[in-house]
Amino acid sequence: MSSSIATVVIGKPLVDLKVLGFEEDEVTIWTEERFLPRILVQPGWFPSTSEVKRNRPDLFRAFNSPDFQEIRIGKKVLWLIVGQ
């Protein structure tokens, strides 16, 4: 990914993305996966889930409830929208 800003939507958002300030075409990844390290490995931000655990243990978690977070990985900004 060459872009420095990425948007990940997990599940179905509780509110419309426009309410949160995002357009549907701005979403980088749509997924049902709730384990964050697997999401970070898919586009190549980390080589493996064990690298996430070793280098960023704060990102080694799962999202089981609705959430909206900004996560910084180096110079990249990841907007994480977790729905149902």
C-alpha atoms as a PDB file:
ATOM      1  CA  MET A   1       0.000   0.000   0.000  1.00  0.00           C
ATOM      2  CA  SER A   2       1.490   3.266  -1.049  1.00  0.00           C
ATOM      3  CA  SER A   3      -1.063   5.448   0.727  1.00  0.00           C
ATOM      4  CA  SER A   4      -0.167   6.705   4.179  1.00  0.00           C
ATOM      5  CA  ILE A   5      -3.802   6.584   5.328  1.00  0.00           C
ATOM      6  CA  ALA A   6      -5.867   3.405   5.320  1.00  0.00           C
ATOM      7  CA  THR A   7      -9.386   2.639   6.451  1.00  0.00           C
ATOM      8  CA  VAL A   8     -10.406  -0.826   7.645  1.00  0.00           C
ATOM      9  CA  VAL A   9     -14.040  -1.743   8.231  1.00  0.00           C
ATOM     10  CA  ILE A  10     -14.712  -4.875  10.275  1.00  0.00           C
ATOM     11  CA  GLY A  11     -18.221  -6.290  10.045  1.00  0.00           C
ATOM     12  CA  LYS A  12     -21.190  -4.025   9.356  1.00  0.00           C
ATOM     13  CA  PRO A  13     -20.792  -0.492  10.797  1.00  0.00           C
ATOM     14  CA  LEU A  14     -23.507   0.621  13.215  1.00  0.00           C
ATOM     15  CA  VAL A  15     -23.750   4.044  11.535  1.00  0.00           C
ATOM     16  CA  ASP A  16     -23.323   5.168   7.955  1.00  0.00           C
ATOM     17  CA  LEU A  17     -19.689   5.779   6.989  1.00  0.00           C
ATOM     18  CA  LYS A  18     -20.590   9.304   5.857  1.00  0.00           C
ATOM     19  CA  VAL A  19     -21.557  10.153   9.454  1.00  0.00           C
ATOM     20  CA  LEU A  20     -18.018   9.199  10.496  1.00  0.00           C
ATOM     21  CA  GLY A  21     -16.530  11.306   7.697  1.00  0.00           C
ATOM     22  CA  PHE A  22     -15.617   8.491   5.286  1.00  0.00           C
ATOM     23  CA  GLU A  23     -16.821   7.591   1.810  1.00  0.00           C
ATOM     24  CA  GLU A  24     -17.279   3.944   0.803  1.00  0.00           C
ATOM     25  CA  ASP A  25     -14.657   4.287  -1.949  1.00  0.00           C
ATOM     26  CA  GLU A  26     -12.102   5.448   0.665  1.00  0.00           C
ATOM     27  CA  VAL A  27     -12.268   2.122   2.535  1.00  0.00           C
ATOM     28  CA  THR A  28      -9.072   0.144   1.982  1.00  0.00           C
ATOM     29  CA  ILE A  29     -10.176  -3.173   3.501  1.00  0.00           C
ATOM     30  CA  TRP A  30     -13.631  -4.657   4.214  1.00  0.00           C
ATOM     31  CA  THR A  31     -13.326  -7.771   6.384  1.00  0.00           C
ATOM     32  CA  GLU A  32     -15.103  -9.991   8.879  1.00  0.00           C
ATOM     33  CA  GLU A  33     -11.777 -10.897  10.563  1.00  0.00           C
ATOM     34  CA  ARG A  34     -11.673  -9.542  14.124  1.00  0.00           C
ATOM     35  CA  PHE A  35      -8.114 -10.483  15.105  1.00  0.00           C
ATOM     36  CA  LEU A  36      -6.059  -7.344  14.406  1.00  0.00           C
ATOM     37  CA  PRO A  37      -2.704  -9.040  13.626  1.00  0.00           C
ATOM     38  CA  ARG A  38      -4.299 -11.061  10.791  1.00  0.00           C
ATOM     39  CA  ILE A  39      -5.794  -7.858   9.378  1.00  0.00           C
ATOM     40  CA  LEU A  40      -2.366  -6.160   9.469  1.00  0.00           C
ATOM     41  CA  VAL A  41      -0.694  -9.080   7.656  1.00  0.00           C
ATOM     42  CA  GLN A  42      -3.218  -9.137   4.738  1.00  0.00           C
ATOM     43  CA  PRO A  43      -2.031  -5.914   2.998  1.00  0.00           C
ATOM     44  CA  GLY A  44       1.609  -6.467   3.989  1.00  0.00           C
ATOM     45  CA  TRP A  45       1.960  -3.952   6.811  1.00  0.00           C
ATOM     46  CA  PHE A  46       3.574  -6.734   8.870  1.00  0.00           C
ATOM     47  CA  PRO A  47       5.154  -9.943   7.526  1.00  0.00           C
ATOM     48  CA  SER A  48       3.462 -12.230  10.079  1.00  0.00           C
ATOM     49  CA  THR A  49       1.277 -12.229  13.177  1.00  0.00           C
ATOM     50  CA  SER A  50       4.283 -13.170  15.292  1.00  0.00           C
ATOM     51  CA  GLU A  51       6.043  -9.984  14.109  1.00  0.00           C
ATOM     52  CA  VAL A  52       3.065  -7.977  15.342  1.00  0.00           C
ATOM     53  CA  LYS A  53       3.319  -9.664  18.740  1.00  0.00           C
ATOM     54  CA  ARG A  54       7.082  -9.140  18.904  1.00  0.00           C
ATOM     55  CA  ASN A  55       7.242  -5.515  17.705  1.00  0.00           C
ATOM     56  CA  ARG A  56       3.850  -4.073  18.706  1.00  0.00           C
ATOM     57  CA  PRO A  57       2.297  -6.118  21.532  1.00  0.00           C
ATOM     58  CA  ASP A  58      -0.323  -3.379  21.990  1.00  0.00           C
ATOM     59  CA  LEU A  59      -1.767  -4.385  18.582  1.00  0.00           C
ATOM     60  CA  PHE A  60      -2.049  -8.079  19.473  1.00  0.00           C
ATOM     61  CA  ARG A  61      -5.783  -8.132  20.217  1.00  0.00           C
ATOM     62  CA  ALA A  62      -9.212  -8.932  18.848  1.00  0.00           C
ATOM     63  CA  PHE A  63     -12.181  -6.615  18.421  1.00  0.00           C
ATOM     64  CA  ASN A  64     -15.397  -8.239  19.643  1.00  0.00           C
ATOM     65  CA  SER A  65     -17.434  -5.116  20.252  1.00  0.00           C
ATOM     66  CA  PRO A  66     -18.123  -2.002  18.152  1.00  0.00           C
ATOM     67  CA  ASP A  67     -15.223   0.431  18.155  1.00  0.00           C
ATOM     68  CA  PHE A  68     -13.631   3.311  16.225  1.00  0.00           C
ATOM     69  CA  GLN A  69      -9.882   3.844  16.578  1.00  0.00           C
ATOM     70  CA  GLU A  70      -6.900   5.497  14.979  1.00  0.00           C
ATOM     71  CA  ILE A  71      -3.788   3.308  14.972  1.00  0.00           C
ATOM     72  CA  ARG A  72      -0.366   4.509  13.860  1.00  0.00           C
ATOM     73  CA  ILE A  73       2.088   2.065  12.299  1.00  0.00           C
ATOM     74  CA  GLY A  74       5.271   3.937  11.464  1.00  0.00           C
ATOM     75  CA  LYS A  75       4.216   6.708   9.086  1.00  0.00           C
ATOM     76  CA  LYS A  76       0.925   5.005   8.217  1.00  0.00           C
ATOM     77  CA  VAL A  77      -2.362   5.942   9.847  1.00  0.00           C
ATOM     78  CA  LEU A  78      -4.968   3.205  10.110  1.00  0.00           C
ATOM     79  CA  TRP A  79      -8.591   4.115  10.827  1.00  0.00           C
ATOM     80  CA  LEU A  80     -10.308   1.059  12.249  1.00  0.00           C
ATOM     81  CA  ILE A  81     -14.115   0.942  12.227  1.00  0.00           C
ATOM     82  CA  VAL A  82     -15.565  -2.083  14.014  1.00  0.00           C
ATOM     83  CA  GLY A  83     -19.239  -2.880  13.625  1.00  0.00           C
ATOM     84  CA  GLN A  84     -21.379  -5.918  14.337  1.00  0.00           C
END
